[in-house]
C-alpha atoms as a PDB file:
ATOM      1  CA  MET A   1      14.718  -5.475   9.837  1.00  0.00           C
ATOM      2  CA  VAL A   2      12.899  -8.157   7.836  1.00  0.00           C
ATOM      3  CA  ASN A   3      16.214  -9.652   6.765  1.00  0.00           C
ATOM      4  CA  ASN A   4      17.582  -9.644  10.322  1.00  0.00           C
ATOM      5  CA  GLN A   5      14.478 -11.124  11.935  1.00  0.00           C
ATOM      6  CA  PHE A   6      13.378 -13.642   9.319  1.00  0.00           C
ATOM      7  CA  GLY A   7      16.451 -14.211   7.161  1.00  0.00           C
ATOM      8  CA  VAL A   8      14.692 -13.235   3.932  1.00  0.00           C
ATOM      9  CA  SER A   9      14.837 -10.160   1.727  1.00  0.00           C
ATOM     10  CA  ILE A  10      11.879  -8.181   0.443  1.00  0.00           C
ATOM     11  CA  GLN A  11      11.245  -8.874  -3.229  1.00  0.00           C
ATOM     12  CA  THR A  12       7.960  -7.047  -3.884  1.00  0.00           C
ATOM     13  CA  ILE A  13       6.044  -4.242  -2.196  1.00  0.00           C
ATOM     14  CA  ARG A  14       2.438  -3.392  -3.034  1.00  0.00           C
ATOM     15  CA  SER A  15       0.986   0.003  -2.156  1.00  0.00           C
ATOM     16  CA  ASP A  16      -1.616   2.452  -3.341  1.00  0.00           C
ATOM     17  CA  VAL A  17      -0.751   5.026  -5.985  1.00  0.00           C
ATOM     18  CA  ALA A  18       0.141   7.735  -3.476  1.00  0.00           C
ATOM     19  CA  SER A  19       2.875  10.050  -4.713  1.00  0.00           C
ATOM     20  CA  GLU A  20       5.125   9.395  -1.707  1.00  0.00           C
ATOM     21  CA  PHE A  21       5.558   5.802  -2.926  1.00  0.00           C
ATOM     22  CA  THR A  22       5.748   6.425  -6.662  1.00  0.00           C
ATOM     23  CA  ASN A  23       8.149   9.400  -6.642  1.00  0.00           C
ATOM     24  CA  GLY A  24      11.258  10.486  -4.814  1.00  0.00           C
ATOM     25  CA  PRO A  25      13.187   8.621  -2.113  1.00  0.00           C
ATOM     26  CA  PHE A  26      11.029   5.501  -1.972  1.00  0.00           C
ATOM     27  CA  LYS A  27      11.269   4.943  -5.720  1.00  0.00           C
ATOM     28  CA  GLU A  28      15.047   5.365  -5.595  1.00  0.00           C
ATOM     29  CA  CYS A  29      15.352   3.024  -2.607  1.00  0.00           C
ATOM     30  CA  PHE A  30      13.257   0.324  -4.300  1.00  0.00           C
ATOM     31  CA  ALA A  31      15.398   0.532  -7.449  1.00  0.00           C
ATOM     32  CA  GLU A  32      18.622   0.495  -5.436  1.00  0.00           C
ATOM     33  CA  LYS A  33      17.600  -2.603  -3.447  1.00  0.00           C
ATOM     34  CA  GLY A  34      16.085  -4.413  -6.453  1.00  0.00           C
ATOM     35  CA  ILE A  35      12.587  -4.353  -4.969  1.00  0.00           C
ATOM     36  CA  ILE A  36       9.636  -4.563  -7.366  1.00  0.00           C
ATOM     37  CA  HIS A  37       7.003  -1.938  -6.547  1.00  0.00           C
ATOM     38  CA  GLU A  38       3.440  -2.812  -7.526  1.00  0.00           C
ATOM     39  CA  THR A  39       0.565  -0.376  -7.194  1.00  0.00           C
ATOM     40  CA  SER A  40      -3.062  -1.302  -6.662  1.00  0.00           C
ATOM     41  CA  TYR A  41      -6.085   0.269  -8.285  1.00  0.00           C
ATOM     42  CA  ALA A  42      -8.332   2.499  -6.179  1.00  0.00           C
ATOM     43  CA  ASP A  43     -11.603   0.977  -4.918  1.00  0.00           C
ATOM     44  CA  THR A  44     -10.653  -2.555  -5.969  1.00  0.00           C
ATOM     45  CA  LEU A  45     -11.610  -4.878  -3.140  1.00  0.00           C
ATOM     46  CA  GLU A  46      -9.759  -7.797  -4.677  1.00  0.00           C
ATOM     47  CA  GLN A  47      -6.471  -5.915  -4.453  1.00  0.00           C
ATOM     48  CA  ASN A  48      -6.940  -3.780  -1.365  1.00  0.00           C
ATOM     49  CA  GLY A  49      -8.280  -6.616   0.748  1.00  0.00           C
ATOM     50  CA  ARG A  50      -9.366  -6.319   4.342  1.00  0.00           C
ATOM     51  CA  ALA A  51      -8.399  -2.701   4.881  1.00  0.00           C
ATOM     52  CA  GLU A  52     -10.720  -1.540   2.106  1.00  0.00           C
ATOM     53  CA  CYS A  53     -13.546  -3.749   3.398  1.00  0.00           C
ATOM     54  CA  LYS A  54     -13.218  -2.427   6.941  1.00  0.00           C
ATOM     55  CA  ASN A  55     -12.832   1.223   5.946  1.00  0.00           C
ATOM     56  CA  ARG A  56     -15.886   1.364   3.663  1.00  0.00           C
ATOM     57  CA  PRO A  57     -18.577   1.128   6.407  1.00  0.00           C
ATOM     58  CA  ILE A  58     -16.690   3.623   8.574  1.00  0.00           C
ATOM     59  CA  LEU A  59     -16.480   6.088   5.689  1.00  0.00           C
ATOM     60  CA  ASN A  60     -20.173   5.592   4.871  1.00  0.00           C
ATOM     61  CA  VAL A  61     -21.164   6.423   8.466  1.00  0.00           C
ATOM     62  CA  ALA A  62     -18.857   9.454   8.493  1.00  0.00           C
ATOM     63  CA  ARG A  63     -20.383  10.755   5.243  1.00  0.00           C
ATOM     64  CA  ALA A  64     -23.909  10.224   6.584  1.00  0.00           C
ATOM     65  CA  LEU A  65     -23.110  12.097   9.806  1.00  0.00           C
ATOM     66  CA  ARG A  66     -21.549  14.937   7.855  1.00  0.00           C
ATOM     67  CA  PHE A  67     -24.714  15.437   5.816  1.00  0.00           C
END
């Protein structure tokens, strides 16, 4: 889809260290297509960017309500 819409191919994908990305079909697909798969470290704001920043306050409120 990326290639069809933008005329470029995916060279690198960055994800968390979830097993669905590091094992099985995804790993085989990345190797087959020549895509470099990079994983980020947990709780590293510099790598996880906006999603981590926005999720932290929501998780803090959820933990507080649970207690």
